[in-house]
Amino acid sequence: MAKLDIVTLPDPILRKISTSVERIDDEMRRLADDMLETMYDAPGVGLAAIQVGVPLRLVVVDVADAEEGPQPLVLFNPEIVRFGPETRLHEEGCLSIPDVRVDIERPSTLTLRYLDRDGKQREIDADGLLATAIQHEVNHLDGKLIIDFLSSLKRDIVVRKFKKLARTTTT
């Protein structure tokens, strides 16, 4: 396994819409393992392949706390089939937008269809933090970021900050 570089704002790849994974083979499983290592090291609770520069519909998530031990989920071609009627407000961060936190109201439950590491179709019901993390990562696959939930003024401030930071670190 290898730790990958996480792409950060303002890199335009973060706005790219990811394409479906056509074949789940050893290379794809290795990418998923590397993404898990990267996510745990960051540390985070979710990571989309686009965040490591790979525009494929692959997400890794683990919302287990330290006492439970790791409970990683590898989701190839995740598709939210249904949302529950209740919503939940949660402060979200993003590994691609360090030090920015945004309060986002999302459905508190969902049903997700995906392919597992063996290419088998699965369906799970998720609630709480898992539902939030899945929605956050699926947004990444569609080129949507947490700053899109901000007013245009606040979003522009964040984007300008990261563009300035990018200029100072490359010079």
N, C-alpha and C. Protein backbone atom coordinates (compact mmCIF):
# COMPACT_ATOMS: atom_id res chain seq x y z
N MET A 1 0.84 -1.18 0.00
CA MET A 1 0.00 0.00 0.00
C MET A 1 0.88 1.25 0.00
N ALA A 2 0.33 2.31 -0.57
CA ALA A 2 1.07 3.56 -0.67
C ALA A 2 0.17 4.74 -0.34
N LYS A 3 0.76 5.71 0.31
CA LYS A 3 0.04 6.94 0.61
C LYS A 3 0.06 7.81 -0.66
N LEU A 4 -1.11 8.32 -1.02
CA LEU A 4 -1.25 9.12 -2.23
C LEU A 4 -1.32 10.61 -1.87
N ASP A 5 -1.02 11.47 -2.83
CA ASP A 5 -1.16 12.91 -2.63
C ASP A 5 -2.63 13.30 -2.78
N ILE A 6 -3.12 14.11 -1.86
CA ILE A 6 -4.50 14.59 -1.93
C ILE A 6 -4.52 15.91 -2.70
N VAL A 7 -5.36 15.96 -3.72
CA VAL A 7 -5.53 17.16 -4.54
C VAL A 7 -6.31 18.19 -3.72
N THR A 8 -5.87 19.45 -3.75
CA THR A 8 -6.56 20.49 -3.00
C THR A 8 -7.03 21.62 -3.93
N LEU A 9 -7.98 22.36 -3.40
CA LEU A 9 -8.47 23.55 -4.09
C LEU A 9 -7.26 24.44 -4.37
N PRO A 10 -7.11 25.11 -5.47
CA PRO A 10 -8.07 25.32 -6.56
C PRO A 10 -7.92 24.37 -7.75
N ASP A 11 -7.31 23.21 -7.58
CA ASP A 11 -7.09 22.30 -8.70
C ASP A 11 -8.42 22.01 -9.41
N PRO A 12 -8.49 22.27 -10.72
CA PRO A 12 -9.74 22.10 -11.47
C PRO A 12 -10.22 20.65 -11.57
N ILE A 13 -9.35 19.67 -11.31
CA ILE A 13 -9.81 18.27 -11.40
C ILE A 13 -10.92 18.00 -10.38
N LEU A 14 -10.94 18.77 -9.29
CA LEU A 14 -11.97 18.56 -8.26
C LEU A 14 -13.38 18.83 -8.80
N ARG A 15 -13.48 19.55 -9.90
CA ARG A 15 -14.78 19.86 -10.51
C ARG A 15 -15.15 18.88 -11.62
N LYS A 16 -14.25 17.96 -11.92
CA LYS A 16 -14.49 16.99 -12.98
C LYS A 16 -15.49 15.92 -12.52
N ILE A 17 -16.38 15.52 -13.41
CA ILE A 17 -17.33 14.46 -13.10
C ILE A 17 -16.64 13.12 -13.36
N SER A 18 -16.66 12.26 -12.36
CA SER A 18 -15.97 10.97 -12.45
C SER A 18 -16.76 9.98 -13.30
N THR A 19 -16.01 9.10 -13.96
CA THR A 19 -16.64 8.08 -14.81
C THR A 19 -16.73 6.75 -14.07
N SER A 20 -17.62 5.91 -14.52
CA SER A 20 -17.85 4.60 -13.88
C SER A 20 -16.62 3.71 -13.99
N VAL A 21 -16.44 2.90 -12.97
CA VAL A 21 -15.39 1.87 -12.99
C VAL A 21 -15.94 0.72 -13.82
N GLU A 22 -15.24 0.39 -14.89
CA GLU A 22 -15.72 -0.66 -15.80
C GLU A 22 -15.38 -2.07 -15.31
N ARG A 23 -14.20 -2.22 -14.69
CA ARG A 23 -13.76 -3.54 -14.23
C ARG A 23 -13.10 -3.41 -12.88
N ILE A 24 -13.52 -4.24 -11.96
CA ILE A 24 -12.88 -4.25 -10.64
C ILE A 24 -11.86 -5.38 -10.66
N ASP A 25 -10.60 -4.99 -10.73
CA ASP A 25 -9.51 -5.95 -10.80
C ASP A 25 -8.49 -5.62 -9.70
N ASP A 26 -7.35 -6.29 -9.73
CA ASP A 26 -6.33 -6.06 -8.70
C ASP A 26 -5.86 -4.61 -8.67
N GLU A 27 -5.77 -3.98 -9.84
CA GLU A 27 -5.33 -2.58 -9.90
C GLU A 27 -6.34 -1.67 -9.18
N MET A 28 -7.62 -1.92 -9.39
CA MET A 28 -8.66 -1.12 -8.72
C MET A 28 -8.67 -1.37 -7.21
N ARG A 29 -8.49 -2.62 -6.81
CA ARG A 29 -8.44 -2.95 -5.37
C ARG A 29 -7.21 -2.31 -4.72
N ARG A 30 -6.10 -2.27 -5.44
CA ARG A 30 -4.88 -1.64 -4.94
C ARG A 30 -5.11 -0.13 -4.77
N LEU A 31 -5.79 0.49 -5.74
CA LEU A 31 -6.11 1.91 -5.63
C LEU A 31 -6.98 2.14 -4.40
N ALA A 32 -7.97 1.30 -4.19
CA ALA A 32 -8.85 1.43 -3.01
C ALA A 32 -8.04 1.29 -1.72
N ASP A 33 -7.12 0.33 -1.67
CA ASP A 33 -6.28 0.16 -0.48
C ASP A 33 -5.39 1.39 -0.25
N ASP A 34 -4.82 1.92 -1.32
CA ASP A 34 -3.98 3.12 -1.20
C ASP A 34 -4.82 4.31 -0.73
N MET A 35 -6.05 4.40 -1.22
CA MET A 35 -6.94 5.48 -0.79
C MET A 35 -7.28 5.35 0.69
N LEU A 36 -7.51 4.12 1.15
CA LEU A 36 -7.78 3.91 2.59
C LEU A 36 -6.58 4.35 3.43
N GLU A 37 -5.39 3.94 3.02
CA GLU A 37 -4.19 4.34 3.76
C GLU A 37 -4.06 5.86 3.79
N THR A 38 -4.31 6.50 2.67
CA THR A 38 -4.25 7.96 2.57
C THR A 38 -5.28 8.61 3.47
N MET A 39 -6.52 8.10 3.45
CA MET A 39 -7.60 8.64 4.26
C MET A 39 -7.28 8.51 5.76
N TYR A 40 -6.82 7.34 6.18
CA TYR A 40 -6.50 7.13 7.60
C TYR A 40 -5.35 8.04 8.03
N ASP A 41 -4.37 8.22 7.15
CA ASP A 41 -3.21 9.04 7.47
C ASP A 41 -3.56 10.53 7.59
N ALA A 42 -4.57 10.96 6.83
CA ALA A 42 -4.88 12.40 6.70
C ALA A 42 -5.20 13.14 8.01
N PRO A 43 -5.96 12.76 8.95
CA PRO A 43 -6.96 11.69 8.95
C PRO A 43 -8.32 12.22 8.49
N GLY A 44 -9.09 11.31 7.88
CA GLY A 44 -10.43 11.65 7.42
C GLY A 44 -11.34 10.45 7.56
N VAL A 45 -12.63 10.66 7.24
CA VAL A 45 -13.60 9.56 7.32
C VAL A 45 -14.07 9.13 5.94
N GLY A 46 -13.62 9.84 4.89
CA GLY A 46 -14.01 9.48 3.54
C GLY A 46 -13.04 10.08 2.53
N LEU A 47 -12.95 9.44 1.37
CA LEU A 47 -12.09 9.94 0.31
C LEU A 47 -12.63 9.42 -1.02
N ALA A 48 -12.75 10.32 -1.98
CA ALA A 48 -13.17 9.94 -3.33
C ALA A 48 -11.93 9.87 -4.22
N ALA A 49 -11.95 8.99 -5.20
CA ALA A 49 -10.79 8.81 -6.08
C ALA A 49 -10.38 10.12 -6.76
N ILE A 50 -11.33 10.96 -7.08
CA ILE A 50 -11.01 12.24 -7.73
C ILE A 50 -10.10 13.09 -6.84
N GLN A 51 -10.18 12.90 -5.53
CA GLN A 51 -9.36 13.66 -4.60
C GLN A 51 -7.89 13.24 -4.62
N VAL A 52 -7.61 12.11 -5.25
CA VAL A 52 -6.22 11.69 -5.44
C VAL A 52 -5.88 11.72 -6.93
N GLY A 53 -6.67 12.50 -7.68
CA GLY A 53 -6.39 12.73 -9.09
C GLY A 53 -6.86 11.66 -10.04
N VAL A 54 -7.74 10.75 -9.57
CA VAL A 54 -8.24 9.67 -10.42
C VAL A 54 -9.74 9.86 -10.62
N PRO A 55 -10.17 10.27 -11.83
CA PRO A 55 -11.58 10.58 -12.05
C PRO A 55 -12.47 9.36 -12.29
N LEU A 56 -12.46 8.44 -11.32
CA LEU A 56 -13.29 7.24 -11.38
C LEU A 56 -14.26 7.24 -10.20
N ARG A 57 -15.40 6.58 -10.37
CA ARG A 57 -16.43 6.54 -9.33
C ARG A 57 -16.07 5.47 -8.28
N LEU A 58 -15.18 5.88 -7.42
CA LEU A 58 -14.70 5.03 -6.33
C LEU A 58 -14.58 5.88 -5.08
N VAL A 59 -15.14 5.36 -3.99
CA VAL A 59 -15.14 6.07 -2.70
C VAL A 59 -14.73 5.08 -1.62
N VAL A 60 -13.96 5.56 -0.65
CA VAL A 60 -13.69 4.78 0.56
C VAL A 60 -14.20 5.60 1.75
N VAL A 61 -14.77 4.89 2.72
CA VAL A 61 -15.36 5.54 3.89
C VAL A 61 -15.11 4.66 5.11
N ASP A 62 -14.86 5.30 6.25
CA ASP A 62 -14.80 4.59 7.53
C ASP A 62 -15.15 5.59 8.63
N VAL A 63 -16.34 5.43 9.19
CA VAL A 63 -16.80 6.36 10.24
C VAL A 63 -16.73 5.73 11.63
N ALA A 64 -16.11 4.56 11.74
CA ALA A 64 -16.00 3.89 13.04
C ALA A 64 -15.10 4.70 13.97
N ASP A 65 -15.43 4.68 15.26
CA ASP A 65 -14.56 5.38 16.20
C ASP A 65 -13.42 4.47 16.63
N ALA A 66 -12.47 5.01 17.36
CA ALA A 66 -11.25 4.29 17.73
C ALA A 66 -11.55 3.00 18.49
N GLU A 67 -12.57 3.04 19.36
CA GLU A 67 -12.88 1.84 20.15
C GLU A 67 -13.40 0.69 19.29
N GLU A 68 -14.10 1.02 18.20
CA GLU A 68 -14.65 -0.02 17.32
C GLU A 68 -13.59 -0.65 16.43
N GLY A 69 -12.53 0.09 16.18
CA GLY A 69 -11.52 -0.38 15.24
C GLY A 69 -11.97 -0.10 13.82
N PRO A 70 -11.06 -0.22 12.85
CA PRO A 70 -11.39 0.10 11.46
C PRO A 70 -12.55 -0.73 10.91
N GLN A 71 -13.44 -0.06 10.20
CA GLN A 71 -14.55 -0.71 9.50
C GLN A 71 -14.69 -0.08 8.12
N PRO A 72 -13.66 -0.29 7.27
CA PRO A 72 -13.65 0.39 5.97
C PRO A 72 -14.72 -0.12 5.01
N LEU A 73 -15.27 0.82 4.27
CA LEU A 73 -16.20 0.50 3.19
C LEU A 73 -15.53 0.95 1.89
N VAL A 74 -15.50 0.07 0.90
CA VAL A 74 -15.00 0.40 -0.43
C VAL A 74 -16.20 0.34 -1.36
N LEU A 75 -16.49 1.49 -2.00
CA LEU A 75 -17.70 1.63 -2.79
C LEU A 75 -17.36 1.96 -4.24
N PHE A 76 -17.50 0.99 -5.12
CA PHE A 76 -17.30 1.23 -6.54
C PHE A 76 -18.65 1.61 -7.15
N ASN A 77 -18.66 2.63 -7.97
CA ASN A 77 -19.88 3.11 -8.64
C ASN A 77 -21.05 3.31 -7.67
N PRO A 78 -20.82 4.04 -6.57
CA PRO A 78 -21.90 4.24 -5.61
C PRO A 78 -23.04 5.07 -6.20
N GLU A 79 -24.26 4.65 -5.88
CA GLU A 79 -25.44 5.35 -6.40
C GLU A 79 -26.46 5.44 -5.26
N ILE A 80 -26.81 6.66 -4.91
CA ILE A 80 -27.83 6.84 -3.87
C ILE A 80 -29.18 6.57 -4.51
N VAL A 81 -29.86 5.54 -3.99
CA VAL A 81 -31.13 5.11 -4.56
C VAL A 81 -32.30 5.87 -3.95
N ARG A 82 -32.15 6.18 -2.66
CA ARG A 82 -33.28 6.79 -1.95
C ARG A 82 -32.77 7.55 -0.74
N PHE A 83 -33.40 8.69 -0.49
CA PHE A 83 -33.13 9.47 0.72
C PHE A 83 -34.30 9.32 1.67
N GLY A 84 -34.01 9.35 2.98
CA GLY A 84 -35.06 9.37 3.98
C GLY A 84 -35.65 10.78 4.09
N PRO A 85 -36.78 10.91 4.78
CA PRO A 85 -37.47 12.21 4.86
C PRO A 85 -36.85 13.20 5.84
N GLU A 86 -36.12 12.71 6.84
CA GLU A 86 -35.55 13.59 7.87
C GLU A 86 -34.22 14.16 7.40
N THR A 87 -33.88 15.35 7.94
CA THR A 87 -32.58 15.94 7.62
C THR A 87 -31.76 16.11 8.89
N ARG A 88 -30.50 16.37 8.69
CA ARG A 88 -29.58 16.55 9.81
C ARG A 88 -28.55 17.61 9.41
N LEU A 89 -28.28 18.52 10.36
CA LEU A 89 -27.26 19.55 10.14
C LEU A 89 -25.96 19.04 10.74
N HIS A 90 -24.90 19.09 9.93
CA HIS A 90 -23.61 18.58 10.40
C HIS A 90 -22.51 19.48 9.87
N GLU A 91 -21.52 19.77 10.70
CA GLU A 91 -20.36 20.54 10.26
C GLU A 91 -19.41 19.60 9.54
N GLU A 92 -19.16 19.90 8.26
CA GLU A 92 -18.32 19.05 7.44
C GLU A 92 -17.01 19.74 7.09
N GLY A 93 -15.96 18.95 7.06
CA GLY A 93 -14.67 19.39 6.56
C GLY A 93 -14.36 18.58 5.32
N CYS A 94 -13.25 18.90 4.67
CA CYS A 94 -12.89 18.20 3.45
C CYS A 94 -11.37 18.15 3.33
N LEU A 95 -10.84 16.98 3.05
CA LEU A 95 -9.39 16.84 2.91
C LEU A 95 -8.83 17.66 1.75
N SER A 96 -9.68 17.99 0.77
CA SER A 96 -9.24 18.79 -0.37
C SER A 96 -9.37 20.29 -0.13
N ILE A 97 -9.98 20.66 1.01
CA ILE A 97 -10.13 22.08 1.37
C ILE A 97 -9.76 22.20 2.85
N PRO A 98 -8.47 22.05 3.17
CA PRO A 98 -8.03 22.01 4.57
C PRO A 98 -8.45 23.25 5.36
N ASP A 99 -8.80 23.02 6.61
CA ASP A 99 -9.12 24.08 7.57
C ASP A 99 -10.40 24.85 7.25
N VAL A 100 -11.24 24.33 6.38
CA VAL A 100 -12.53 24.96 6.10
C VAL A 100 -13.62 24.02 6.60
N ARG A 101 -14.54 24.56 7.38
CA ARG A 101 -15.66 23.77 7.91
C ARG A 101 -16.95 24.46 7.46
N VAL A 102 -17.93 23.66 7.04
CA VAL A 102 -19.19 24.20 6.54
C VAL A 102 -20.35 23.42 7.16
N ASP A 103 -21.33 24.14 7.72
CA ASP A 103 -22.55 23.51 8.22
C ASP A 103 -23.43 23.19 7.02
N ILE A 104 -23.75 21.90 6.86
CA ILE A 104 -24.54 21.46 5.71
C ILE A 104 -25.71 20.61 6.22
N GLU A 105 -26.89 20.93 5.72
CA GLU A 105 -28.08 20.14 6.04
C GLU A 105 -28.30 19.14 4.92
N ARG A 106 -28.32 17.86 5.29
CA ARG A 106 -28.49 16.78 4.32
C ARG A 106 -29.51 15.78 4.87
N PRO A 107 -30.07 14.94 3.99
CA PRO A 107 -30.92 13.86 4.49
C PRO A 107 -30.14 13.01 5.50
N SER A 108 -30.80 12.62 6.58
CA SER A 108 -30.10 11.88 7.65
C SER A 108 -30.02 10.38 7.38
N THR A 109 -30.79 9.89 6.43
CA THR A 109 -30.72 8.46 6.07
C THR A 109 -30.75 8.33 4.55
N LEU A 110 -30.22 7.20 4.08
CA LEU A 110 -30.25 6.94 2.64
C LEU A 110 -30.07 5.45 2.39
N THR A 111 -30.39 5.06 1.18
CA THR A 111 -30.11 3.71 0.69
C THR A 111 -29.12 3.86 -0.45
N LEU A 112 -28.05 3.08 -0.38
CA LEU A 112 -26.97 3.17 -1.36
C LEU A 112 -26.80 1.84 -2.06
N ARG A 113 -26.64 1.89 -3.39
CA ARG A 113 -26.31 0.71 -4.19
C ARG A 113 -24.89 0.92 -4.71
N TYR A 114 -24.08 -0.13 -4.66
CA TYR A 114 -22.68 -0.02 -5.09
C TYR A 114 -22.14 -1.41 -5.41
N LEU A 115 -20.95 -1.44 -5.96
CA LEU A 115 -20.24 -2.71 -6.18
C LEU A 115 -19.15 -2.80 -5.12
N ASP A 116 -18.99 -3.99 -4.55
CA ASP A 116 -17.95 -4.18 -3.53
C ASP A 116 -16.63 -4.55 -4.20
N ARG A 117 -15.63 -4.86 -3.37
CA ARG A 117 -14.27 -5.18 -3.87
C ARG A 117 -14.25 -6.36 -4.83
N ASP A 118 -15.26 -7.23 -4.74
CA ASP A 118 -15.32 -8.41 -5.61
C ASP A 118 -16.22 -8.19 -6.82
N GLY A 119 -16.75 -6.96 -6.96
CA GLY A 119 -17.61 -6.66 -8.09
C GLY A 119 -19.05 -7.09 -7.89
N LYS A 120 -19.40 -7.48 -6.66
CA LYS A 120 -20.78 -7.89 -6.36
C LYS A 120 -21.61 -6.66 -6.02
N GLN A 121 -22.83 -6.64 -6.58
CA GLN A 121 -23.71 -5.51 -6.27
C GLN A 121 -24.25 -5.65 -4.85
N ARG A 122 -24.18 -4.56 -4.12
CA ARG A 122 -24.64 -4.51 -2.73
C ARG A 122 -25.57 -3.33 -2.55
N GLU A 123 -26.34 -3.38 -1.49
CA GLU A 123 -27.18 -2.26 -1.11
C GLU A 123 -27.12 -2.14 0.40
N ILE A 124 -26.93 -0.91 0.89
CA ILE A 124 -26.92 -0.69 2.34
C ILE A 124 -27.81 0.50 2.68
N ASP A 125 -28.33 0.46 3.89
CA ASP A 125 -29.04 1.59 4.45
C ASP A 125 -28.06 2.27 5.39
N ALA A 126 -27.95 3.58 5.28
CA ALA A 126 -27.00 4.33 6.11
C ALA A 126 -27.74 5.45 6.82
N ASP A 127 -27.24 5.77 8.02
CA ASP A 127 -27.80 6.90 8.75
C ASP A 127 -26.68 7.65 9.45
N GLY A 128 -27.01 8.80 10.03
CA GLY A 128 -26.05 9.58 10.81
C GLY A 128 -24.82 9.96 10.00
N LEU A 129 -23.66 9.83 10.66
CA LEU A 129 -22.39 10.23 10.04
C LEU A 129 -22.10 9.45 8.77
N LEU A 130 -22.45 8.17 8.72
CA LEU A 130 -22.20 7.38 7.51
C LEU A 130 -22.99 7.95 6.34
N ALA A 131 -24.25 8.28 6.55
CA ALA A 131 -25.08 8.86 5.48
C ALA A 131 -24.48 10.19 5.02
N THR A 132 -24.04 11.00 5.98
CA THR A 132 -23.43 12.30 5.63
C THR A 132 -22.15 12.09 4.83
N ALA A 133 -21.28 11.19 5.29
CA ALA A 133 -20.01 10.95 4.60
C ALA A 133 -20.24 10.42 3.18
N ILE A 134 -21.18 9.53 3.02
CA ILE A 134 -21.48 8.99 1.68
C ILE A 134 -21.95 10.11 0.75
N GLN A 135 -22.85 10.96 1.24
CA GLN A 135 -23.34 12.06 0.40
C GLN A 135 -22.20 13.01 0.03
N HIS A 136 -21.34 13.30 0.99
CA HIS A 136 -20.18 14.18 0.75
C HIS A 136 -19.30 13.60 -0.35
N GLU A 137 -18.98 12.32 -0.25
CA GLU A 137 -18.08 11.69 -1.23
C GLU A 137 -18.74 11.53 -2.59
N VAL A 138 -20.01 11.19 -2.64
CA VAL A 138 -20.71 11.09 -3.92
C VAL A 138 -20.77 12.46 -4.58
N ASN A 139 -20.93 13.53 -3.78
CA ASN A 139 -20.85 14.88 -4.33
C ASN A 139 -19.52 15.08 -5.05
N HIS A 140 -18.41 14.63 -4.44
CA HIS A 140 -17.10 14.75 -5.08
C HIS A 140 -17.10 14.09 -6.46
N LEU A 141 -17.71 12.93 -6.57
CA LEU A 141 -17.74 12.20 -7.85
C LEU A 141 -18.48 13.00 -8.92
N ASP A 142 -19.37 13.89 -8.47
CA ASP A 142 -20.14 14.72 -9.39
C ASP A 142 -19.58 16.14 -9.51
N GLY A 143 -18.37 16.36 -8.98
CA GLY A 143 -17.72 17.66 -9.11
C GLY A 143 -18.25 18.73 -8.16
N LYS A 144 -18.94 18.30 -7.11
CA LYS A 144 -19.51 19.26 -6.16
C LYS A 144 -18.71 19.24 -4.86
N LEU A 145 -18.45 20.43 -4.32
CA LEU A 145 -17.64 20.58 -3.10
C LEU A 145 -18.46 21.20 -1.98
N ILE A 146 -17.96 21.08 -0.74
CA ILE A 146 -18.70 21.64 0.40
C ILE A 146 -18.86 23.15 0.28
N ILE A 147 -17.94 23.81 -0.40
CA ILE A 147 -18.06 25.27 -0.53
C ILE A 147 -19.24 25.66 -1.42
N ASP A 148 -19.78 24.71 -2.19
CA ASP A 148 -20.95 24.98 -3.02
C ASP A 148 -22.20 25.19 -2.17
N PHE A 149 -22.12 24.81 -0.90
CA PHE A 149 -23.25 25.00 0.01
C PHE A 149 -23.20 26.38 0.67
N LEU A 150 -22.12 27.13 0.42
CA LEU A 150 -21.97 28.48 0.97
C LEU A 150 -22.61 29.51 0.05
N SER A 151 -22.82 30.71 0.57
CA SER A 151 -23.26 31.81 -0.30
C SER A 151 -22.14 32.08 -1.29
N SER A 152 -22.46 32.70 -2.41
CA SER A 152 -21.43 32.96 -3.43
C SER A 152 -20.32 33.85 -2.87
N LEU A 153 -20.66 34.79 -2.00
CA LEU A 153 -19.66 35.67 -1.41
C LEU A 153 -18.66 34.86 -0.56
N LYS A 154 -19.17 34.02 0.34
CA LYS A 154 -18.29 33.21 1.19
C LYS A 154 -17.47 32.22 0.36
N ARG A 155 -18.11 31.63 -0.65
CA ARG A 155 -17.41 30.68 -1.52
C ARG A 155 -16.26 31.38 -2.25
N ASP A 156 -16.51 32.58 -2.77
CA ASP A 156 -15.46 33.33 -3.47
C ASP A 156 -14.29 33.65 -2.55
N ILE A 157 -14.57 33.96 -1.29
CA ILE A 157 -13.51 34.26 -0.33
C ILE A 157 -12.62 33.03 -0.13
N VAL A 158 -13.24 31.87 0.04
CA VAL A 158 -12.48 30.63 0.23
C VAL A 158 -11.65 30.32 -1.01
N VAL A 159 -12.25 30.43 -2.18
CA VAL A 159 -11.54 30.13 -3.43
C VAL A 159 -10.36 31.07 -3.61
N ARG A 160 -10.56 32.37 -3.36
CA ARG A 160 -9.45 33.33 -3.48
C ARG A 160 -8.32 32.99 -2.53
N LYS A 161 -8.68 32.59 -1.31
CA LYS A 161 -7.66 32.22 -0.32
C LYS A 161 -6.81 31.05 -0.83
N PHE A 162 -7.45 30.04 -1.38
CA PHE A 162 -6.72 28.86 -1.84
C PHE A 162 -5.93 29.15 -3.12
N LYS A 163 -6.44 30.03 -3.98
CA LYS A 163 -5.68 30.42 -5.17
C LYS A 163 -4.42 31.18 -4.77
N LYS A 164 -4.56 32.07 -3.78
CA LYS A 164 -3.40 32.83 -3.30
C LYS A 164 -2.39 31.88 -2.67
N LEU A 165 -2.86 30.94 -1.87
CA LEU A 165 -2.00 29.96 -1.24
C LEU A 165 -1.26 29.12 -2.28
N ALA A 166 -1.97 28.72 -3.33
CA ALA A 166 -1.37 27.93 -4.40
C ALA A 166 -0.27 28.72 -5.11
N ARG A 167 -0.50 30.02 -5.33
CA ARG A 167 0.51 30.86 -5.97
C ARG A 167 1.76 30.99 -5.11
N THR A 168 1.58 31.14 -3.80
CA THR A 168 2.74 31.33 -2.92
C THR A 168 3.52 30.06 -2.71
N THR A 169 2.88 28.91 -2.83
CA THR A 169 3.62 27.64 -2.63
C THR A 169 4.31 27.17 -3.90
N THR A 170 3.91 27.71 -5.05
CA THR A 170 4.56 27.30 -6.31
C THR A 170 5.65 28.26 -6.75
N THR A 171 5.80 29.37 -6.05
CA THR A 171 6.83 30.34 -6.45
C THR A 171 8.06 30.21 -5.58
